[in-house]
């Protein structure tokens, strides 16, 4: 319990540091920190200019993580991410292959506009995101720990993009929507980012401390009522087994067991982030959209009628939790 209280205080300091340069998006910051605490990867979706890149760069500094950025483009190849083997010749003329690691060998990888890369390149991340290893030329290489991918996606410009396949979307613990800031936050952005001096942040957590916090997250106890709420919510989102008319009418395919796992971990992480010793039903409600919105798909009729996945999840939560 004392360890959890100490971690909660450290996380509060992290949130305060991030808020010095990333204004008016407290919910987004909490969802990203929840994702990292749960040991998962996050997909940040928002129009250009909302600070997605700034948020990732700030978190890498405050959390003491080694970070790298990949700008995804259509001509990017898997070797540009994973690395490749090169043939070298020593002084005696003996030739051998040496592995040159790519930018994926880091602790916090930012994938900027991930949907601009081809499916072949996108799939290069699958093994890394699931197993924390990459395989090049038949050899398996382990990635640093902790290892997290925070990818960004532009939802308004679809020309020249490749939608992420469902198998890869499922590897992201949360899909986090970033919206325009409110008036007071935008005023703060304008005043504090256009002057001579800019705010800076300090490291408040190390990589080892983050790993320890992730271990504690998995030890947070979860009551039977919360477990039942998670299972009821996820299972109600499957059109084949649900009792809800709204799901049968709107949903093409629903969330799998990985959604239940993700929601359980995320609820534990959110409780720890807020200094609570156990999650509640409110955590399930708050995290339903980030965890489920990329693990469900609406059918053609629902889209034609103007429904979207978030309003459908709202109705699902109201009926299930």
C-alpha atoms as a PDB file:
ATOM      1  CA  UNK A   1       0.000   0.000   0.000  1.00  0.00           C
ATOM      2  CA  UNK A   2       2.854   2.372   0.828  1.00  0.00           C
ATOM      3  CA  UNK A   3       4.433   1.639  -2.558  1.00  0.00           C
ATOM      4  CA  UNK A   4       1.155   2.473  -4.303  1.00  0.00           C
ATOM      5  CA  UNK A   5       0.826   5.768  -2.432  1.00  0.00           C
ATOM      6  CA  UNK A   6       4.397   6.698  -3.377  1.00  0.00           C
ATOM      7  CA  UNK A   7       3.779   5.861  -7.034  1.00  0.00           C
ATOM      8  CA  UNK A   8       0.554   7.888  -6.975  1.00  0.00           C
ATOM      9  CA  UNK A   9       2.520  10.919  -5.700  1.00  0.00           C
ATOM     10  CA  UNK A  10       5.135  10.464  -8.440  1.00  0.00           C
ATOM     11  CA  UNK A  11       2.404  10.251 -11.075  1.00  0.00           C
ATOM     12  CA  UNK A  12       0.830  13.441  -9.736  1.00  0.00           C
ATOM     13  CA  UNK A  13       4.185  15.177 -10.220  1.00  0.00           C
ATOM     14  CA  UNK A  14       4.337  13.794 -13.779  1.00  0.00           C
ATOM     15  CA  UNK A  15       0.888  15.182 -14.581  1.00  0.00           C
ATOM     16  CA  UNK A  16       1.850  18.596 -13.183  1.00  0.00           C
ATOM     17  CA  UNK A  17       4.977  18.716 -15.342  1.00  0.00           C
ATOM     18  CA  UNK A  18       3.091  17.767 -18.501  1.00  0.00           C
ATOM     19  CA  UNK A  19       0.437  20.409 -17.826  1.00  0.00           C
ATOM     20  CA  UNK A  20       3.152  23.098 -17.943  1.00  0.00           C
ATOM     21  CA  UNK A  21       3.525  22.699 -21.709  1.00  0.00           C
ATOM     22  CA  UNK A  22       0.407  20.767 -22.798  1.00  0.00           C
ATOM     23  CA  UNK A  23      -2.628  22.855 -21.923  1.00  0.00           C
ATOM     24  CA  UNK A  24      -6.292  22.026 -21.496  1.00  0.00           C
ATOM     25  CA  UNK A  25      -6.156  18.340 -22.347  1.00  0.00           C
ATOM     26  CA  UNK A  26      -6.103  16.747 -18.894  1.00  0.00           C
ATOM     27  CA  UNK A  27      -8.317  13.870 -19.970  1.00  0.00           C
ATOM     28  CA  UNK A  28      -6.005  13.057 -22.879  1.00  0.00           C
ATOM     29  CA  UNK A  29      -2.941  13.154 -20.613  1.00  0.00           C
ATOM     30  CA  UNK A  30      -4.639  10.843 -18.115  1.00  0.00           C
ATOM     31  CA  UNK A  31      -5.603   8.380 -20.837  1.00  0.00           C
ATOM     32  CA  UNK A  32      -2.067   8.284 -22.224  1.00  0.00           C
ATOM     33  CA  UNK A  33      -0.578   7.804 -18.748  1.00  0.00           C
ATOM     34  CA  UNK A  34      -3.158   5.097 -18.072  1.00  0.00           C
ATOM     35  CA  UNK A  35      -2.055   3.349 -21.254  1.00  0.00           C
ATOM     36  CA  UNK A  36       1.620   3.497 -20.274  1.00  0.00           C
ATOM     37  CA  UNK A  37       0.930   2.368 -16.701  1.00  0.00           C
ATOM     38  CA  UNK A  38      -0.959  -0.615 -18.073  1.00  0.00           C
ATOM     39  CA  UNK A  39       2.089  -1.470 -20.175  1.00  0.00           C
ATOM     40  CA  UNK A  40       0.267  -0.884 -23.458  1.00  0.00           C
ATOM     41  CA  UNK A  41       0.491   1.137 -26.656  1.00  0.00           C
ATOM     42  CA  UNK A  42      -1.632   4.133 -27.595  1.00  0.00           C
ATOM     43  CA  UNK A  43      -3.109   5.448 -30.855  1.00  0.00           C
ATOM     44  CA  UNK A  44      -3.570   9.243 -30.761  1.00  0.00           C
ATOM     45  CA  UNK A  45      -6.174  10.450 -33.246  1.00  0.00           C
ATOM     46  CA  UNK A  46      -6.705  14.139 -33.960  1.00  0.00           C
ATOM     47  CA  UNK A  47      -6.413  16.830 -36.584  1.00  0.00           C
ATOM     48  CA  UNK A  48      -2.999  18.473 -37.148  1.00  0.00           C
ATOM     49  CA  UNK A  49      -1.831  21.118 -34.692  1.00  0.00           C
ATOM     50  CA  UNK A  50      -3.354  19.771 -31.473  1.00  0.00           C
ATOM     51  CA  UNK A  51      -0.021  18.906 -29.866  1.00  0.00           C
ATOM     52  CA  UNK A  52       0.167  15.145 -30.352  1.00  0.00           C
ATOM     53  CA  UNK A  53       3.897  15.241 -31.075  1.00  0.00           C
ATOM     54  CA  UNK A  54       4.512  17.696 -28.232  1.00  0.00           C
ATOM     55  CA  UNK A  55       2.704  15.414 -25.798  1.00  0.00           C
ATOM     56  CA  UNK A  56       4.830  12.378 -26.693  1.00  0.00           C
ATOM     57  CA  UNK A  57       8.088  14.355 -26.552  1.00  0.00           C
ATOM     58  CA  UNK A  58       7.127  15.839 -23.179  1.00  0.00           C
ATOM     59  CA  UNK A  59       6.220  12.460 -21.724  1.00  0.00           C
ATOM     60  CA  UNK A  60       9.544  10.971 -22.814  1.00  0.00           C
ATOM     61  CA  UNK A  61      11.381  13.711 -20.879  1.00  0.00           C
ATOM     62  CA  UNK A  62       9.221  13.600 -17.762  1.00  0.00           C
ATOM     63  CA  UNK A  63       9.231   9.783 -17.594  1.00  0.00           C
ATOM     64  CA  UNK A  64      12.957   9.515 -18.297  1.00  0.00           C
ATOM     65  CA  UNK A  65      12.478   7.304 -21.348  1.00  0.00           C
ATOM     66  CA  UNK A  66      14.744   7.054 -24.356  1.00  0.00           C
ATOM     67  CA  UNK A  67      12.591   8.064 -27.307  1.00  0.00           C
ATOM     68  CA  UNK A  68      12.728   8.129 -31.076  1.00  0.00           C
ATOM     69  CA  UNK A  69      10.369   9.360 -33.732  1.00  0.00           C
ATOM     70  CA  UNK A  70       9.476   7.791 -37.064  1.00  0.00           C
ATOM     71  CA  UNK A  71       7.695   9.872 -39.680  1.00  0.00           C
ATOM     72  CA  UNK A  72       5.671   7.312 -41.611  1.00  0.00           C
ATOM     73  CA  UNK A  73       5.575   7.839 -45.370  1.00  0.00           C
ATOM     74  CA  UNK A  74       4.444   5.615 -48.262  1.00  0.00           C
ATOM     75  CA  UNK A  75       8.046   4.803 -49.254  1.00  0.00           C
ATOM     76  CA  UNK A  76       9.097   3.721 -45.752  1.00  0.00           C
ATOM     77  CA  UNK A  77      10.283   0.093 -45.676  1.00  0.00           C
ATOM     78  CA  UNK A  78      10.245  -2.417 -42.767  1.00  0.00           C
ATOM     79  CA  UNK A  79      14.052  -2.323 -42.585  1.00  0.00           C
ATOM     80  CA  UNK A  80      13.875   1.436 -41.996  1.00  0.00           C
ATOM     81  CA  UNK A  81      12.073   0.654 -38.726  1.00  0.00           C
ATOM     82  CA  UNK A  82      13.500  -2.670 -37.583  1.00  0.00           C
ATOM     83  CA  UNK A  83      17.075  -2.374 -38.823  1.00  0.00           C
ATOM     84  CA  UNK A  84      19.039  -4.609 -41.172  1.00  0.00           C
ATOM     85  CA  UNK A  85      22.108  -6.788 -41.441  1.00  0.00           C
ATOM     86  CA  UNK A  86      25.115  -5.447 -43.305  1.00  0.00           C
ATOM     87  CA  UNK A  87      28.060  -7.380 -44.698  1.00  0.00           C
ATOM     88  CA  UNK A  88      31.380  -6.328 -43.206  1.00  0.00           C
ATOM     89  CA  UNK A  89      34.944  -7.353 -43.922  1.00  0.00           C
ATOM     90  CA  UNK A  90      37.626  -7.300 -41.214  1.00  0.00           C
ATOM     91  CA  UNK A  91      41.359  -6.655 -41.587  1.00  0.00           C
ATOM     92  CA  UNK A  92      42.025 -10.306 -42.432  1.00  0.00           C
ATOM     93  CA  UNK A  93      39.481 -10.297 -45.223  1.00  0.00           C
ATOM     94  CA  UNK A  94      36.924 -12.360 -43.314  1.00  0.00           C
ATOM     95  CA  UNK A  95      33.355 -11.375 -44.073  1.00  0.00           C
ATOM     96  CA  UNK A  96      30.477 -11.492 -41.627  1.00  0.00           C
ATOM     97  CA  UNK A  97      27.067  -9.958 -41.102  1.00  0.00           C
ATOM     98  CA  UNK A  98      26.435  -7.371 -38.409  1.00  0.00           C
ATOM     99  CA  UNK A  99      23.003  -6.240 -37.300  1.00  0.00           C
ATOM    100  CA  UNK A 100      22.370  -2.493 -37.329  1.00  0.00           C
ATOM    101  CA  UNK A 101      19.345  -1.810 -35.092  1.00  0.00           C
ATOM    102  CA  UNK A 102      16.658   0.525 -36.380  1.00  0.00           C
ATOM    103  CA  UNK A 103      14.790   3.264 -34.512  1.00  0.00           C
ATOM    104  CA  UNK A 104      12.387   0.726 -32.997  1.00  0.00           C
ATOM    105  CA  UNK A 105      15.103  -0.117 -30.466  1.00  0.00           C
ATOM    106  CA  UNK A 106      14.024   2.504 -27.969  1.00  0.00           C
ATOM    107  CA  UNK A 107      11.738   2.777 -24.954  1.00  0.00           C
ATOM    108  CA  UNK A 108       9.143   5.205 -26.302  1.00  0.00           C
ATOM    109  CA  UNK A 109       8.588   5.104 -30.046  1.00  0.00           C
ATOM    110  CA  UNK A 110       6.508   7.794 -31.682  1.00  0.00           C
ATOM    111  CA  UNK A 111       4.992   6.715 -34.967  1.00  0.00           C
ATOM    112  CA  UNK A 112       3.867   9.928 -36.645  1.00  0.00           C
ATOM    113  CA  UNK A 113       0.940   9.461 -39.066  1.00  0.00           C
ATOM    114  CA  UNK A 114       1.216   5.700 -38.955  1.00  0.00           C
ATOM    115  CA  UNK A 115      -1.554   5.246 -41.524  1.00  0.00           C
ATOM    116  CA  UNK A 116       0.634   6.812 -44.238  1.00  0.00           C
ATOM    117  CA  UNK A 117       2.891   3.739 -44.376  1.00  0.00           C
ATOM    118  CA  UNK A 118       2.094   0.706 -46.491  1.00  0.00           C
ATOM    119  CA  UNK A 119       0.533  -2.376 -44.842  1.00  0.00           C
ATOM    120  CA  UNK A 120       3.867  -4.173 -45.233  1.00  0.00           C
ATOM    121  CA  UNK A 121       5.601  -1.540 -43.126  1.00  0.00           C
ATOM    122  CA  UNK A 122       2.749  -1.278 -40.632  1.00  0.00           C
ATOM    123  CA  UNK A 123       2.956  -5.026 -40.049  1.00  0.00           C
ATOM    124  CA  UNK A 124       6.630  -4.661 -39.093  1.00  0.00           C
ATOM    125  CA  UNK A 125       5.393  -3.267 -35.785  1.00  0.00           C
ATOM    126  CA  UNK A 126       3.065  -6.179 -34.993  1.00  0.00           C
ATOM    127  CA  UNK A 127       5.593  -8.539 -33.440  1.00  0.00           C
ATOM    128  CA  UNK A 128       7.289  -5.699 -31.580  1.00  0.00           C
ATOM    129  CA  UNK A 129       4.037  -4.428 -30.067  1.00  0.00           C
ATOM    130  CA  UNK A 130       2.870  -7.867 -29.011  1.00  0.00           C
ATOM    131  CA  UNK A 131       6.055  -9.684 -27.997  1.00  0.00           C
ATOM    132  CA  UNK A 132       8.671  -6.944 -27.425  1.00  0.00           C
ATOM    133  CA  UNK A 133      10.949  -8.622 -29.964  1.00  0.00           C
ATOM    134  CA  UNK A 134      11.764  -8.258 -33.657  1.00  0.00           C
ATOM    135  CA  UNK A 135      13.015 -10.878 -36.071  1.00  0.00           C
ATOM    136  CA  UNK A 136      15.461  -9.908 -38.806  1.00  0.00           C
ATOM    137  CA  UNK A 137      17.103 -12.464 -41.116  1.00  0.00           C
ATOM    138  CA  UNK A 138      15.918 -15.300 -38.894  1.00  0.00           C
ATOM    139  CA  UNK A 139      17.435 -13.848 -35.723  1.00  0.00           C
ATOM    140  CA  UNK A 140      15.302 -12.622 -32.820  1.00  0.00           C
ATOM    141  CA  UNK A 141      16.320  -9.391 -31.113  1.00  0.00           C
ATOM    142  CA  UNK A 142      14.825  -8.214 -27.800  1.00  0.00           C
ATOM    143  CA  UNK A 143      13.657  -4.629 -27.431  1.00  0.00           C
ATOM    144  CA  UNK A 144      14.464  -2.417 -24.428  1.00  0.00           C
ATOM    145  CA  UNK A 145      12.060  -2.455 -21.504  1.00  0.00           C
ATOM    146  CA  UNK A 146       9.802  -0.730 -20.985  1.00  0.00           C
ATOM    147  CA  UNK A 147       8.785  -0.476 -24.649  1.00  0.00           C
ATOM    148  CA  UNK A 148       5.801   1.552 -25.803  1.00  0.00           C
ATOM    149  CA  UNK A 149       4.469   2.778 -29.135  1.00  0.00           C
ATOM    150  CA  UNK A 150       2.489   6.020 -29.237  1.00  0.00           C
ATOM    151  CA  UNK A 151       1.276   6.400 -32.800  1.00  0.00           C
ATOM    152  CA  UNK A 152      -0.602   9.343 -34.281  1.00  0.00           C
ATOM    153  CA  UNK A 153      -3.228   9.368 -36.981  1.00  0.00           C
ATOM    154  CA  UNK A 154      -4.879  12.187 -38.903  1.00  0.00           C
ATOM    155  CA  UNK A 155      -8.629  11.450 -39.224  1.00  0.00           C
ATOM    156  CA  UNK A 156      -9.506  14.064 -41.844  1.00  0.00           C
ATOM    157  CA  UNK A 157      -7.016  13.454 -44.658  1.00  0.00           C
ATOM    158  CA  UNK A 158      -7.449   9.988 -46.167  1.00  0.00           C
ATOM    159  CA  UNK A 159      -5.831  10.457 -49.589  1.00  0.00           C
ATOM    160  CA  UNK A 160      -2.664   8.384 -49.870  1.00  0.00           C
ATOM    161  CA  UNK A 161      -3.246   6.578 -46.569  1.00  0.00           C
ATOM    162  CA  UNK A 162      -3.589   2.918 -45.656  1.00  0.00           C
ATOM    163  CA  UNK A 163      -6.118   2.139 -42.896  1.00  0.00           C
ATOM    164  CA  UNK A 164      -4.593   0.081 -40.108  1.00  0.00           C
ATOM    165  CA  UNK A 165      -5.674  -3.569 -40.222  1.00  0.00           C
ATOM    166  CA  UNK A 166      -7.873  -4.811 -37.388  1.00  0.00           C
ATOM    167  CA  UNK A 167      -5.131  -7.140 -36.108  1.00  0.00           C
ATOM    168  CA  UNK A 168      -2.816  -4.186 -35.555  1.00  0.00           C
ATOM    169  CA  UNK A 169      -5.492  -1.900 -34.145  1.00  0.00           C
ATOM    170  CA  UNK A 170      -6.194  -4.569 -31.550  1.00  0.00           C
ATOM    171  CA  UNK A 171      -2.575  -4.280 -30.331  1.00  0.00           C
ATOM    172  CA  UNK A 172      -3.220  -0.712 -29.210  1.00  0.00           C
ATOM    173  CA  UNK A 173      -4.532  -0.728 -25.658  1.00  0.00           C
ATOM    174  CA  UNK A 174      -6.370   2.566 -26.177  1.00  0.00           C
ATOM    175  CA  UNK A 175      -7.400   4.794 -29.059  1.00  0.00           C
ATOM    176  CA  UNK A 176      -7.315   8.315 -27.665  1.00  0.00           C
ATOM    177  CA  UNK A 177      -9.248  11.086 -29.408  1.00  0.00           C
ATOM    178  CA  UNK A 178      -7.756  14.585 -29.143  1.00  0.00           C
ATOM    179  CA  UNK A 179     -10.231  17.410 -29.702  1.00  0.00           C
ATOM    180  CA  UNK A 180      -9.887  21.174 -30.005  1.00  0.00           C
ATOM    181  CA  UNK A 181      -9.118  22.957 -26.702  1.00  0.00           C
ATOM    182  CA  UNK A 182     -11.730  25.126 -25.014  1.00  0.00           C
ATOM    183  CA  UNK A 183     -11.507  28.938 -25.064  1.00  0.00           C
ATOM    184  CA  UNK A 184      -9.581  29.400 -21.809  1.00  0.00           C
ATOM    185  CA  UNK A 185      -7.074  26.670 -22.730  1.00  0.00           C
ATOM    186  CA  UNK A 186      -6.516  28.101 -26.191  1.00  0.00           C
ATOM    187  CA  UNK A 187      -5.969  31.545 -24.652  1.00  0.00           C
ATOM    188  CA  UNK A 188      -3.312  29.980 -22.395  1.00  0.00           C
ATOM    189  CA  UNK A 189      -1.685  28.297 -25.394  1.00  0.00           C
ATOM    190  CA  UNK A 190      -1.507  31.575 -27.310  1.00  0.00           C
ATOM    191  CA  UNK A 191      -0.079  33.548 -24.404  1.00  0.00           C
ATOM    192  CA  UNK A 192       2.479  31.008 -23.159  1.00  0.00           C
ATOM    193  CA  UNK A 193       3.863  29.631 -26.423  1.00  0.00           C
ATOM    194  CA  UNK A 194       4.469  32.800 -28.419  1.00  0.00           C
ATOM    195  CA  UNK A 195       6.759  34.686 -26.050  1.00  0.00           C
ATOM    196  CA  UNK A 196      10.537  34.817 -25.729  1.00  0.00           C
ATOM    197  CA  UNK A 197      10.824  32.063 -23.122  1.00  0.00           C
ATOM    198  CA  UNK A 198       9.039  28.728 -23.224  1.00  0.00           C
ATOM    199  CA  UNK A 199       8.212  26.493 -20.291  1.00  0.00           C
ATOM    200  CA  UNK A 200      10.450  23.468 -19.737  1.00  0.00           C
ATOM    201  CA  UNK A 201       9.838  20.190 -17.939  1.00  0.00           C
ATOM    202  CA  UNK A 202      11.881  18.074 -15.548  1.00  0.00           C
ATOM    203  CA  UNK A 203      12.259  14.329 -15.232  1.00  0.00           C
ATOM    204  CA  UNK A 204      10.003  13.068 -12.443  1.00  0.00           C
ATOM    205  CA  UNK A 205      10.157   9.332 -13.076  1.00  0.00           C
ATOM    206  CA  UNK A 206      12.841   7.008 -14.396  1.00  0.00           C
ATOM    207  CA  UNK A 207      12.424   4.035 -16.718  1.00  0.00           C
ATOM    208  CA  UNK A 208      13.009   1.660 -13.805  1.00  0.00           C
ATOM    209  CA  UNK A 209      10.445   3.486 -11.677  1.00  0.00           C
ATOM    210  CA  UNK A 210       7.935   3.291 -14.521  1.00  0.00           C
ATOM    211  CA  UNK A 211       8.532  -0.469 -14.783  1.00  0.00           C
ATOM    212  CA  UNK A 212       7.956  -0.744 -11.035  1.00  0.00           C
ATOM    213  CA  UNK A 213       4.723   1.251 -11.354  1.00  0.00           C
ATOM    214  CA  UNK A 214       3.585  -1.069 -14.144  1.00  0.00           C
ATOM    215  CA  UNK A 215       4.255  -4.059 -11.892  1.00  0.00           C
ATOM    216  CA  UNK A 216       2.229  -2.448  -9.091  1.00  0.00           C
ATOM    217  CA  UNK A 217      -0.605  -1.761 -11.524  1.00  0.00           C
ATOM    218  CA  UNK A 218      -1.070  -5.481 -12.076  1.00  0.00           C
ATOM    219  CA  UNK A 219      -1.282  -5.963  -8.314  1.00  0.00           C
ATOM    220  CA  UNK A 220      -4.180  -3.535  -7.821  1.00  0.00           C
ATOM    221  CA  UNK A 221      -7.125  -5.640  -6.565  1.00  0.00           C
ATOM    222  CA  UNK A 222     -10.318  -5.645  -8.616  1.00  0.00           C
ATOM    223  CA  UNK A 223     -13.700  -6.376  -7.063  1.00  0.00           C
ATOM    224  CA  UNK A 224     -16.078  -8.933  -8.503  1.00  0.00           C
ATOM    225  CA  UNK A 225     -18.578  -6.203  -9.338  1.00  0.00           C
ATOM    226  CA  UNK A 226     -16.053  -4.420 -11.571  1.00  0.00           C
ATOM    227  CA  UNK A 227     -15.025  -7.690 -13.230  1.00  0.00           C
ATOM    228  CA  UNK A 228     -18.680  -8.473 -13.958  1.00  0.00           C
ATOM    229  CA  UNK A 229     -19.190  -4.968 -15.398  1.00  0.00           C
ATOM    230  CA  UNK A 230     -16.194  -5.382 -17.722  1.00  0.00           C
ATOM    231  CA  UNK A 231     -17.338  -8.785 -18.977  1.00  0.00           C
ATOM    232  CA  UNK A 232     -20.947  -7.661 -19.359  1.00  0.00           C
ATOM    233  CA  UNK A 233     -19.907  -4.582 -21.329  1.00  0.00           C
ATOM    234  CA  UNK A 234     -17.527  -6.393 -23.696  1.00  0.00           C
ATOM    235  CA  UNK A 235     -19.771  -9.395 -24.289  1.00  0.00           C
ATOM    236  CA  UNK A 236     -22.784  -7.133 -24.908  1.00  0.00           C
ATOM    237  CA  UNK A 237     -20.847  -5.488 -27.735  1.00  0.00           C
ATOM    238  CA  UNK A 238     -20.781  -8.686 -29.822  1.00  0.00           C
ATOM    239  CA  UNK A 239     -23.728  -8.886 -32.243  1.00  0.00           C
ATOM    240  CA  UNK A 240     -23.693 -12.702 -32.207  1.00  0.00           C
ATOM    241  CA  UNK A 241     -24.291 -13.009 -28.450  1.00  0.00           C
ATOM    242  CA  UNK A 242     -25.772  -9.697 -27.286  1.00  0.00           C
ATOM    243  CA  UNK A 243     -29.249  -9.114 -25.926  1.00  0.00           C
ATOM    244  CA  UNK A 244     -29.193  -5.462 -27.027  1.00  0.00           C
ATOM    245  CA  UNK A 245     -31.091  -4.468 -30.166  1.00  0.00           C
ATOM    246  CA  UNK A 246     -28.833  -1.458 -30.743  1.00  0.00           C
ATOM    247  CA  UNK A 247     -25.790  -3.727 -31.080  1.00  0.00           C
ATOM    248  CA  UNK A 248     -27.504  -6.229 -33.378  1.00  0.00           C
ATOM    249  CA  UNK A 249     -28.755  -3.393 -35.581  1.00  0.00           C
ATOM    250  CA  UNK A 250     -25.584  -1.277 -35.748  1.00  0.00           C
ATOM    251  CA  UNK A 251     -22.487  -3.383 -35.066  1.00  0.00           C
ATOM    252  CA  UNK A 252     -20.760  -5.442 -37.747  1.00  0.00           C
ATOM    253  CA  UNK A 253     -18.219  -7.091 -35.441  1.00  0.00           C
ATOM    254  CA  UNK A 254     -17.523  -6.637 -31.766  1.00  0.00           C
ATOM    255  CA  UNK A 255     -14.624  -6.710 -29.299  1.00  0.00           C
ATOM    256  CA  UNK A 256     -12.728  -9.895 -28.511  1.00  0.00           C
ATOM    257  CA  UNK A 257     -11.222 -11.154 -25.234  1.00  0.00           C
ATOM    258  CA  UNK A 258      -8.245  -8.798 -25.646  1.00  0.00           C
ATOM    259  CA  UNK A 259     -10.692  -5.938 -25.054  1.00  0.00           C
ATOM    260  CA  UNK A 260     -11.617  -7.446 -21.664  1.00  0.00           C
ATOM    261  CA  UNK A 261      -7.936  -7.758 -20.781  1.00  0.00           C
ATOM    262  CA  UNK A 262      -7.226  -4.192 -21.885  1.00  0.00           C
ATOM    263  CA  UNK A 263     -10.179  -2.789 -19.948  1.00  0.00           C
ATOM    264  CA  UNK A 264      -9.144  -4.644 -16.794  1.00  0.00           C
ATOM    265  CA  UNK A 265      -5.560  -3.345 -16.991  1.00  0.00           C
ATOM    266  CA  UNK A 266      -6.688   0.174 -17.864  1.00  0.00           C
ATOM    267  CA  UNK A 267      -9.105   0.289 -14.914  1.00  0.00           C
ATOM    268  CA  UNK A 268      -6.328  -0.784 -12.553  1.00  0.00           C
ATOM    269  CA  UNK A 269      -3.992   1.834 -14.010  1.00  0.00           C
ATOM    270  CA  UNK A 270      -6.573   4.627 -13.773  1.00  0.00           C
ATOM    271  CA  UNK A 271      -7.231   3.811 -10.131  1.00  0.00           C
ATOM    272  CA  UNK A 272      -3.514   3.950  -9.338  1.00  0.00           C
ATOM    273  CA  UNK A 273      -3.121   7.167 -11.322  1.00  0.00           C
ATOM    274  CA  UNK A 274      -5.825   8.796  -9.225  1.00  0.00           C
ATOM    275  CA  UNK A 275      -4.423   7.507  -5.931  1.00  0.00           C
ATOM    276  CA  UNK A 276      -7.130   4.900  -5.312  1.00  0.00           C
ATOM    277  CA  UNK A 277      -6.393   1.374  -4.091  1.00  0.00           C
ATOM    278  CA  UNK A 278      -9.044  -0.318  -6.242  1.00  0.00           C
ATOM    279  CA  UNK A 279     -10.964   0.504  -9.442  1.00  0.00           C
ATOM    280  CA  UNK A 280     -14.693   1.163  -9.532  1.00  0.00           C
ATOM    281  CA  UNK A 281     -17.508   1.076 -12.040  1.00  0.00           C
ATOM    282  CA  UNK A 282     -16.742   4.710 -12.902  1.00  0.00           C
ATOM    283  CA  UNK A 283     -13.392   3.562 -14.320  1.00  0.00           C
ATOM    284  CA  UNK A 284     -15.161   1.100 -16.613  1.00  0.00           C
ATOM    285  CA  UNK A 285     -17.460   3.866 -17.875  1.00  0.00           C
ATOM    286  CA  UNK A 286     -14.597   6.358 -18.355  1.00  0.00           C
ATOM    287  CA  UNK A 287     -12.418   3.901 -20.278  1.00  0.00           C
ATOM    288  CA  UNK A 288     -15.066   2.202 -22.400  1.00  0.00           C
ATOM    289  CA  UNK A 289     -14.547   4.469 -25.415  1.00  0.00           C
ATOM    290  CA  UNK A 290     -10.718   4.482 -25.497  1.00  0.00           C
ATOM    291  CA  UNK A 291     -10.611   0.701 -25.141  1.00  0.00           C
ATOM    292  CA  UNK A 292     -13.531  -0.287 -27.390  1.00  0.00           C
ATOM    293  CA  UNK A 293     -13.778   2.308 -30.191  1.00  0.00           C
ATOM    294  CA  UNK A 294     -11.056   0.637 -32.314  1.00  0.00           C
ATOM    295  CA  UNK A 295     -12.210  -2.887 -31.479  1.00  0.00           C
ATOM    296  CA  UNK A 296     -15.718  -2.528 -32.917  1.00  0.00           C
ATOM    297  CA  UNK A 297     -17.062  -1.643 -36.355  1.00  0.00           C
ATOM    298  CA  UNK A 298     -20.421  -0.303 -37.443  1.00  0.00           C
ATOM    299  CA  UNK A 299     -22.243  -1.885 -40.364  1.00  0.00           C
ATOM    300  CA  UNK A 300     -23.115  -0.012 -43.535  1.00  0.00           C
ATOM    301  CA  UNK A 301     -26.714   0.689 -42.510  1.00  0.00           C
ATOM    302  CA  UNK A 302     -25.641   2.318 -39.245  1.00  0.00           C
ATOM    303  CA  UNK A 303     -23.081   4.520 -41.004  1.00  0.00           C
ATOM    304  CA  UNK A 304     -25.644   5.500 -43.636  1.00  0.00           C
ATOM    305  CA  UNK A 305     -28.015   6.634 -40.902  1.00  0.00           C
ATOM    306  CA  UNK A 306     -25.314   8.875 -39.430  1.00  0.00           C
ATOM    307  CA  UNK A 307     -24.424   6.845 -36.352  1.00  0.00           C
ATOM    308  CA  UNK A 308     -20.852   6.791 -35.078  1.00  0.00           C
ATOM    309  CA  UNK A 309     -18.969   4.363 -32.854  1.00  0.00           C
ATOM    310  CA  UNK A 310     -18.756   6.697 -29.837  1.00  0.00           C
ATOM    311  CA  UNK A 311     -22.515   7.239 -29.539  1.00  0.00           C
ATOM    312  CA  UNK A 312     -23.019   3.499 -29.972  1.00  0.00           C
ATOM    313  CA  UNK A 313     -20.580   2.785 -27.124  1.00  0.00           C
ATOM    314  CA  UNK A 314     -22.401   5.371 -24.982  1.00  0.00           C
ATOM    315  CA  UNK A 315     -25.650   3.487 -25.517  1.00  0.00           C
ATOM    316  CA  UNK A 316     -23.883   0.188 -24.845  1.00  0.00           C
ATOM    317  CA  UNK A 317     -22.447   1.492 -21.567  1.00  0.00           C
ATOM    318  CA  UNK A 318     -25.793   2.869 -20.461  1.00  0.00           C
ATOM    319  CA  UNK A 319     -27.459  -0.492 -21.049  1.00  0.00           C
ATOM    320  CA  UNK A 320     -24.662  -2.710 -19.688  1.00  0.00           C
ATOM    321  CA  UNK A 321     -22.838  -1.036 -16.800  1.00  0.00           C
END
